[in-house]
Amino acid sequence: LVSLSQLPPSQVLVLQVVQTILEAMKLDNDRTNCNMTAENFLRLGSVWVLDPNHENLDGNEDMQRRRAQHPQNKTRPTWHRMIINDNTLEAQDFRINLDCTYRVHCRPSRFHVDWDVASAILYRNDDWGMVAVNKARGLPCHATVDNSVENVLSMFQKQCEENKHQGDDYASLPQRLDTDTSGVLLIATKKSFASYMCRLLERKTTDSVASSATTGKALMKKHYRCLLCLTHQDQHHHLQTLQNAIIVHYLNPNSHAPKHYASQIPSDTTQKWLESQLRILQVSDIWNVSFPVDAPLVQDLWNHDKPPNVTHVCQVTVELLTGRTHQIRGQFAAMGFPLVGDVLYGGAIITKMQIPQSRGKLALQCSSL
């Protein structure tokens, strides 16, 4: 960086600065993403710029409405992602500006998932403005702060641009799934459908919390399938007694991951805990997994991460009545049944076999909507 500072700023490329940082990391024996080039970082969206002279007037309609209500925030500078667009921009277009501050995410999260958009489409209705896809496990729904390319929404938009599919200029996700959850995910290709889905989701949660009654026709139903860890066979009988029952827990809104779900709200709290509900629809037979860690079934479910006290697993189908963060994972963990492959809630262990940024095999799927 010292050698670059001796050049006029107009001659220094952001690409050169990023490359210098990468070379310094290699000298420090930091092998994280050592195979990536500086251009890879710009194509991934791992570089951001803060320009104090740039008015923050872009954004979605909600952001623009909030800025109109608070004029004093209208010209507040904000971070913008610097990303190479295959159609219009090249790395040489980004030159250093001394008035700007630059931020480089040197260890961007990577999501190497073989996911083909076209074959993942389950249903499409261009009149409504919606597409249902089968999301792969290990792929985030939206862009992350250090990776704007490897996610469902960006990959869908890229496919639409390549195919020039009519009516897909707009795309948003009115619902989402956790990165490690697979299954049905809706993509809105019209703003009217996105608004409609948001109203449905809001009403679904409100109605479910207001009453646990099963009567009445729900406008939306979300079903999930998951594999639960059992430490002895008696737990399976307990799960069977809960079939068709509504399970209620309370979420501490201020808890960080892993989220804190409790069967009762603590008496000494002043916080408003969020009621969380799910209904157990079906409990399968159990499978014995008390085998060595290199057994084929154990390898398929956990790799080398199986907790030593887990002896059986069973599949459970649930209807999600409310939509809380990590709800299914947190509620079943609070009951003593963590999901298979869930490192965060006790369904898997971290071993030396794991590599940095590797993702486990979380056995959770949104099976129908």
Protein backbone atom coordinates (compact mmCIF):
# COMPACT_ATOMS: atom_id res chain seq x y z
CA LEU A 1 0.00 0.00 0.00
CA VAL A 2 2.94 2.33 0.66
CA SER A 3 4.20 1.91 -2.90
CA LEU A 4 0.73 2.56 -4.28
CA SER A 5 0.40 5.75 -2.23
CA GLN A 6 3.31 7.24 -4.15
CA LEU A 7 1.23 7.26 -7.34
CA PRO A 8 -1.41 9.86 -8.24
CA PRO A 9 -4.82 8.60 -6.99
CA SER A 10 -6.25 8.72 -10.51
CA GLN A 11 -3.72 6.06 -11.54
CA VAL A 12 -4.43 3.65 -8.70
CA LEU A 13 -7.08 1.01 -9.27
CA VAL A 14 -9.19 -0.51 -6.51
CA LEU A 15 -8.11 -3.79 -8.06
CA GLN A 16 -4.47 -3.03 -7.19
CA VAL A 17 -5.33 -2.20 -3.57
CA VAL A 18 -7.25 -5.45 -3.12
CA GLN A 19 -4.42 -7.44 -4.71
CA THR A 20 -1.91 -5.84 -2.33
CA ILE A 21 -4.05 -6.81 0.65
CA LEU A 22 -4.29 -10.40 -0.60
CA GLU A 23 -0.53 -10.64 -1.03
CA ALA A 24 -0.02 -9.34 2.51
CA MET A 25 -2.42 -11.98 3.85
CA LYS A 26 -0.45 -14.71 2.10
CA LEU A 27 2.77 -13.40 3.67
CA ASP A 28 1.04 -13.74 7.05
CA ASN A 29 0.25 -17.38 6.19
CA ASP A 30 -3.46 -16.61 6.03
CA ARG A 31 -4.60 -19.21 3.49
CA THR A 32 -8.29 -18.22 3.59
CA ASN A 33 -9.55 -17.87 0.01
CA CYS A 34 -5.94 -18.00 -1.16
CA ASN A 35 -7.04 -19.12 -4.63
CA MET A 36 -9.14 -15.99 -5.24
CA THR A 37 -7.85 -13.08 -7.27
CA ALA A 38 -8.57 -9.40 -6.70
CA GLU A 39 -10.98 -9.46 -9.65
CA ASN A 40 -12.81 -12.37 -7.99
CA PHE A 41 -13.45 -10.13 -4.98
CA LEU A 42 -14.95 -7.41 -7.17
CA ARG A 43 -17.08 -9.89 -9.09
CA LEU A 44 -18.30 -11.40 -5.81
CA GLY A 45 -19.26 -8.03 -4.34
CA SER A 46 -16.80 -8.14 -1.42
CA VAL A 47 -15.62 -4.52 -1.85
CA TRP A 48 -17.64 -1.51 -0.69
CA VAL A 49 -17.16 2.26 -0.98
CA LEU A 50 -18.39 5.14 1.18
CA ASP A 51 -18.59 8.38 -0.80
CA PRO A 52 -19.41 11.43 1.36
CA ASN A 53 -20.38 13.39 -1.76
CA HIS A 54 -22.91 10.82 -2.95
CA GLU A 55 -26.50 11.46 -1.97
CA ASN A 56 -28.25 8.33 -0.85
CA LEU A 57 -31.38 8.67 -2.99
CA ASP A 58 -31.57 5.11 -4.29
CA GLY A 59 -33.22 2.14 -2.61
CA ASN A 60 -36.66 0.61 -2.55
CA GLU A 61 -39.96 2.42 -2.08
CA ASP A 62 -40.00 1.90 1.70
CA MET A 63 -36.55 3.45 2.04
CA GLN A 64 -37.53 6.41 -0.13
CA ARG A 65 -40.71 6.96 1.91
CA ARG A 66 -38.75 6.94 5.19
CA ARG A 67 -36.26 9.46 3.79
CA ALA A 68 -39.12 11.73 2.73
CA GLN A 69 -40.42 11.65 6.32
CA HIS A 70 -36.96 12.51 7.67
CA PRO A 71 -35.39 15.07 5.29
CA GLN A 72 -32.35 15.46 7.52
CA ASN A 73 -31.29 11.92 6.59
CA LYS A 74 -31.79 12.39 2.86
CA THR A 75 -28.20 13.24 2.02
CA ARG A 76 -26.53 10.96 4.56
CA PRO A 77 -23.80 8.99 2.74
CA THR A 78 -24.06 5.24 2.73
CA TRP A 79 -21.94 2.27 1.72
CA HIS A 80 -22.31 1.06 -1.85
CA ARG A 81 -21.15 -2.28 -3.19
CA MET A 82 -18.53 -2.17 -5.94
CA ILE A 83 -19.23 -5.05 -8.25
CA ILE A 84 -18.13 -5.86 -11.79
CA ASN A 85 -21.02 -6.29 -14.17
CA ASP A 86 -20.26 -8.58 -17.10
CA ASN A 87 -22.19 -6.32 -19.44
CA THR A 88 -20.99 -2.84 -18.56
CA LEU A 89 -18.16 -2.64 -16.04
CA GLU A 90 -14.58 -3.83 -15.93
CA ALA A 91 -12.08 -3.77 -13.09
CA GLN A 92 -10.31 -0.81 -14.74
CA ASP A 93 -13.43 1.33 -14.23
CA PHE A 94 -12.86 1.45 -10.46
CA ARG A 95 -10.20 3.99 -9.54
CA ILE A 96 -9.26 5.23 -6.08
CA ASN A 97 -10.91 8.47 -4.93
CA LEU A 98 -9.22 10.11 -1.94
CA ASP A 99 -12.56 11.48 -0.75
CA CYS A 100 -13.92 7.95 -0.34
CA THR A 101 -13.46 5.22 2.23
CA TYR A 102 -13.13 1.64 1.01
CA ARG A 103 -13.97 -1.58 2.81
CA VAL A 104 -12.69 -4.97 1.69
CA HIS A 105 -14.10 -8.23 3.08
CA CYS A 106 -10.95 -10.33 2.85
CA ARG A 107 -12.61 -13.60 3.89
CA PRO A 108 -15.94 -13.64 2.02
CA SER A 109 -18.39 -16.42 2.76
CA ARG A 110 -18.64 -18.86 -0.14
CA PHE A 111 -21.63 -21.01 -1.04
CA HIS A 112 -20.46 -23.60 -3.55
CA VAL A 113 -23.83 -25.19 -4.29
CA ASP A 114 -24.64 -26.90 -7.58
CA TRP A 115 -28.09 -25.34 -8.10
CA ASP A 116 -29.65 -25.00 -11.54
CA VAL A 117 -32.47 -22.46 -11.57
CA ALA A 118 -34.35 -23.89 -14.55
CA SER A 119 -34.56 -27.43 -13.14
CA ALA A 120 -35.40 -26.09 -9.66
CA ILE A 121 -38.63 -24.37 -10.76
CA LEU A 122 -41.64 -26.21 -9.30
CA TYR A 123 -44.41 -23.90 -10.49
CA ARG A 124 -44.71 -20.67 -12.43
CA ASN A 125 -47.63 -18.29 -12.95
CA ASP A 126 -46.75 -15.18 -14.92
CA ASP A 127 -50.27 -13.76 -14.57
CA TRP A 128 -49.96 -13.79 -10.79
CA GLY A 129 -46.31 -12.81 -10.91
CA MET A 130 -44.81 -15.67 -8.93
CA VAL A 131 -42.37 -18.57 -9.25
CA ALA A 132 -41.98 -21.45 -6.79
CA VAL A 133 -38.51 -23.02 -6.68
CA ASN A 134 -36.90 -25.88 -4.81
CA LYS A 135 -34.15 -24.13 -2.86
CA ALA A 136 -30.98 -26.11 -2.27
CA ARG A 137 -29.52 -26.60 1.18
CA GLY A 138 -26.48 -24.42 1.85
CA LEU A 139 -27.58 -21.56 -0.43
CA PRO A 140 -28.73 -18.24 1.09
CA CYS A 141 -31.88 -16.56 -0.16
CA HIS A 142 -30.45 -13.04 -0.36
CA ALA A 143 -27.03 -11.50 -0.88
CA THR A 144 -24.73 -11.42 2.13
CA VAL A 145 -22.56 -8.45 3.06
CA ASP A 146 -19.51 -10.09 1.45
CA ASN A 147 -21.12 -12.12 -1.35
CA SER A 148 -23.81 -10.75 -3.66
CA VAL A 149 -23.63 -13.48 -6.31
CA GLU A 150 -24.07 -16.90 -4.70
CA ASN A 151 -27.70 -16.70 -3.55
CA VAL A 152 -31.15 -17.66 -4.82
CA LEU A 153 -32.35 -14.19 -5.81
CA SER A 154 -29.20 -13.18 -7.71
CA MET A 155 -28.99 -16.52 -9.51
CA PHE A 156 -32.67 -16.30 -10.50
CA GLN A 157 -32.26 -12.73 -11.80
CA LYS A 158 -29.18 -13.74 -13.78
CA GLN A 159 -31.06 -16.64 -15.36
CA CYS A 160 -33.93 -14.32 -16.31
CA GLU A 161 -31.50 -11.86 -17.92
CA GLU A 162 -29.84 -14.64 -19.92
CA ASN A 163 -33.18 -16.04 -21.10
CA LYS A 164 -34.81 -12.61 -21.42
CA HIS A 165 -37.98 -13.99 -19.85
CA GLN A 166 -40.80 -11.49 -20.24
CA GLY A 167 -42.11 -9.95 -17.04
CA ASP A 168 -39.09 -10.75 -14.86
CA ASP A 169 -37.64 -7.24 -14.60
CA TYR A 170 -38.82 -7.28 -10.98
CA ALA A 171 -37.91 -10.03 -8.53
CA SER A 172 -38.12 -10.19 -4.74
CA LEU A 173 -38.52 -12.75 -1.98
CA PRO A 174 -41.69 -12.24 0.09
CA GLN A 175 -40.65 -15.20 2.27
CA ARG A 176 -37.29 -16.72 3.10
CA LEU A 177 -35.66 -19.93 4.28
CA ASP A 178 -32.53 -20.26 6.38
CA THR A 179 -29.35 -20.91 4.40
CA ASP A 180 -29.16 -24.55 5.52
CA THR A 181 -32.89 -25.22 4.93
CA SER A 182 -34.03 -26.65 1.61
CA GLY A 183 -37.44 -26.80 -0.04
CA VAL A 184 -40.24 -24.63 -1.42
CA LEU A 185 -39.42 -20.93 -1.80
CA LEU A 186 -41.57 -18.31 -3.53
CA ILE A 187 -40.13 -15.60 -5.76
CA ALA A 188 -42.38 -12.65 -6.63
CA THR A 189 -41.98 -11.33 -10.18
CA LYS A 190 -44.63 -8.63 -9.70
CA LYS A 191 -44.90 -6.08 -6.90
CA SER A 192 -48.60 -6.86 -6.53
CA PHE A 193 -47.87 -10.48 -5.65
CA ALA A 194 -45.10 -9.47 -3.25
CA SER A 195 -47.52 -7.16 -1.41
CA TYR A 196 -50.20 -9.87 -1.38
CA MET A 197 -47.79 -12.41 0.14
CA CYS A 198 -46.62 -9.95 2.79
CA ARG A 199 -50.24 -9.38 3.85
CA LEU A 200 -50.85 -13.13 3.98
CA LEU A 201 -47.76 -13.73 6.10
CA GLU A 202 -48.64 -10.93 8.51
CA ARG A 203 -52.20 -12.18 8.89
CA LYS A 204 -51.05 -15.79 9.27
CA THR A 205 -48.82 -14.98 12.23
CA THR A 206 -51.34 -12.66 13.87
CA ASP A 207 -54.22 -15.11 13.58
CA SER A 208 -52.13 -18.03 14.85
CA VAL A 209 -50.92 -16.17 17.93
CA ALA A 210 -54.36 -14.79 18.71
CA SER A 211 -55.90 -18.24 18.89
CA SER A 212 -54.61 -21.78 18.83
CA ALA A 213 -57.95 -23.11 17.59
CA THR A 214 -57.71 -25.43 14.61
CA THR A 215 -61.10 -24.41 13.19
CA GLY A 216 -61.38 -22.06 10.25
CA LYS A 217 -59.69 -22.10 6.88
CA ALA A 218 -56.16 -20.78 6.81
CA LEU A 219 -55.17 -18.69 3.80
CA MET A 220 -51.64 -20.07 3.91
CA LYS A 221 -50.12 -23.29 5.24
CA LYS A 222 -46.42 -24.08 5.44
CA HIS A 223 -45.36 -27.68 6.08
CA TYR A 224 -41.85 -28.79 6.94
CA ARG A 225 -40.16 -32.17 7.23
CA CYS A 226 -37.23 -32.75 9.55
CA LEU A 227 -35.19 -35.53 11.10
CA LEU A 228 -34.93 -35.47 14.90
CA CYS A 229 -32.16 -36.87 17.08
CA LEU A 230 -33.26 -39.34 19.79
CA THR A 231 -31.09 -40.58 22.63
CA HIS A 232 -33.40 -43.50 23.56
CA GLN A 233 -36.48 -45.20 22.13
CA ASP A 234 -38.87 -43.88 24.81
CA GLN A 235 -38.54 -40.42 23.26
CA HIS A 236 -40.23 -41.74 20.14
CA HIS A 237 -43.32 -42.74 22.12
CA HIS A 238 -43.44 -39.25 23.64
CA LEU A 239 -43.35 -37.70 20.15
CA GLN A 240 -46.20 -39.94 19.02
CA THR A 241 -48.39 -38.67 21.86
CA LEU A 242 -47.84 -35.12 20.56
CA GLN A 243 -49.13 -35.91 17.06
CA ASN A 244 -51.73 -33.31 15.95
CA ALA A 245 -50.88 -31.22 19.01
CA ILE A 246 -49.87 -27.54 18.88
CA ILE A 247 -46.51 -26.95 20.54
CA VAL A 248 -46.04 -23.52 22.10
CA HIS A 249 -42.77 -21.91 23.13
CA TYR A 250 -41.69 -18.34 23.78
CA LEU A 251 -38.72 -16.70 22.07
CA ASN A 252 -36.48 -14.19 23.78
CA PRO A 253 -36.35 -11.43 21.11
CA ASN A 254 -32.93 -10.23 22.28
CA SER A 255 -31.19 -13.59 22.13
CA HIS A 256 -28.53 -14.15 19.50
CA ALA A 257 -28.06 -17.44 17.66
CA PRO A 258 -28.64 -20.00 19.02
CA LYS A 259 -32.04 -18.49 19.81
CA HIS A 260 -33.48 -18.99 23.30
CA TYR A 261 -36.86 -20.76 23.23
CA ALA A 262 -38.58 -21.51 26.54
CA SER A 263 -41.79 -23.35 27.42
CA GLN A 264 -42.72 -20.54 29.83
CA ILE A 265 -41.90 -16.85 30.03
CA PRO A 266 -39.56 -16.20 32.97
CA SER A 267 -41.39 -14.47 35.82
CA ASP A 268 -38.61 -11.94 36.42
CA THR A 269 -38.42 -10.62 32.84
CA THR A 270 -39.64 -7.23 31.64
CA GLN A 271 -39.20 -8.08 27.98
CA LYS A 272 -41.99 -9.08 25.63
CA TRP A 273 -41.25 -12.65 24.59
CA LEU A 274 -42.65 -13.79 21.24
CA GLU A 275 -45.13 -16.65 21.20
CA SER A 276 -44.10 -19.40 18.77
CA GLN A 277 -46.40 -22.17 17.58
CA LEU A 278 -46.08 -25.24 15.43
CA ARG A 279 -48.32 -28.28 14.97
CA ILE A 280 -46.88 -31.81 14.75
CA LEU A 281 -48.73 -33.48 11.88
CA GLN A 282 -46.98 -36.82 11.53
CA VAL A 283 -44.32 -38.85 13.31
CA SER A 284 -42.61 -41.66 11.40
CA ASP A 285 -41.09 -44.91 12.63
CA ILE A 286 -37.60 -44.70 14.09
CA TRP A 287 -34.29 -45.74 12.56
CA ASN A 288 -31.38 -47.10 14.51
CA VAL A 289 -28.19 -45.06 14.01
CA SER A 290 -26.10 -46.52 16.84
CA PHE A 291 -23.36 -47.47 14.39
CA PRO A 292 -19.71 -46.43 14.07
CA VAL A 293 -19.16 -42.98 12.59
CA ASP A 294 -17.92 -44.49 9.32
CA ALA A 295 -21.14 -46.47 8.74
CA PRO A 296 -22.85 -45.47 5.44
CA LEU A 297 -26.10 -44.25 7.06
CA VAL A 298 -24.24 -42.20 9.68
CA GLN A 299 -22.00 -40.73 6.97
CA ASP A 300 -25.01 -39.75 4.86
CA LEU A 301 -26.66 -37.97 7.79
CA TRP A 302 -23.73 -36.39 9.63
CA ASN A 303 -20.42 -36.91 7.82
CA HIS A 304 -18.23 -37.22 10.93
CA ASP A 305 -20.35 -34.98 13.16
CA LYS A 306 -22.77 -37.41 14.85
CA PRO A 307 -23.26 -36.72 18.59
CA PRO A 308 -22.16 -39.86 20.51
CA ASN A 309 -25.37 -40.07 22.58
CA VAL A 310 -27.75 -40.19 19.58
CA THR A 311 -29.06 -43.73 19.01
CA HIS A 312 -32.11 -43.23 16.77
CA VAL A 313 -33.68 -40.72 14.38
CA CYS A 314 -37.25 -40.21 13.19
CA GLN A 315 -38.92 -38.00 10.59
CA VAL A 316 -41.50 -35.47 11.75
CA THR A 317 -43.82 -33.37 9.58
CA VAL A 318 -44.90 -30.06 11.10
CA GLU A 319 -47.09 -27.13 10.18
CA LEU A 320 -45.46 -23.81 11.01
CA LEU A 321 -48.09 -21.54 12.54
CA THR A 322 -45.82 -18.60 13.32
CA GLY A 323 -42.64 -17.46 11.60
CA ARG A 324 -39.84 -16.94 14.11
CA THR A 325 -36.11 -17.12 13.50
CA HIS A 326 -34.86 -20.72 13.73
CA GLN A 327 -38.29 -21.64 15.08
CA ILE A 328 -38.44 -25.35 14.21
CA ARG A 329 -34.81 -25.86 15.17
CA GLY A 330 -35.15 -23.94 18.43
CA GLN A 331 -38.48 -25.43 19.54
CA PHE A 332 -37.47 -29.05 19.01
CA ALA A 333 -34.08 -28.42 20.65
CA ALA A 334 -35.91 -26.95 23.67
CA MET A 335 -37.92 -30.22 23.82
CA GLY A 336 -34.73 -32.31 23.75
CA PHE A 337 -34.95 -33.28 20.06
CA PRO A 338 -32.35 -31.32 18.07
CA LEU A 339 -32.46 -31.67 14.30
CA VAL A 340 -30.01 -34.00 12.59
CA GLY A 341 -26.97 -32.05 11.41
CA ASP A 342 -27.76 -28.92 13.42
CA VAL A 343 -24.45 -27.85 14.96
CA LEU A 344 -26.01 -24.73 16.47
CA TYR A 345 -28.66 -26.54 18.53
CA GLY A 346 -26.93 -29.81 19.43
CA GLY A 347 -27.83 -32.05 16.48
CA ALA A 348 -24.21 -32.35 15.36
CA ILE A 349 -20.78 -31.73 16.81
CA ILE A 350 -17.86 -29.73 15.46
CA THR A 351 -14.93 -32.01 14.68
CA LYS A 352 -11.46 -31.66 13.28
CA MET A 353 -12.81 -33.09 10.03
CA GLN A 354 -14.62 -29.83 9.35
CA ILE A 355 -12.92 -27.15 7.25
CA PRO A 356 -13.47 -23.39 7.62
CA GLN A 357 -16.85 -22.24 6.29
CA SER A 358 -17.99 -25.85 5.69
CA ARG A 359 -21.72 -26.35 6.20
CA GLY A 360 -23.35 -29.28 7.91
CA LYS A 361 -26.19 -31.47 6.68
CA LEU A 362 -29.18 -29.86 8.37
CA ALA A 363 -32.16 -32.21 7.89
CA LEU A 364 -34.86 -29.57 7.44
CA GLN A 365 -37.01 -29.05 4.35
CA CYS A 366 -39.98 -26.84 3.53
CA SER A 367 -42.02 -29.62 1.92
CA SER A 368 -45.15 -27.73 0.86
CA LEU A 369 -46.69 -24.27 0.82
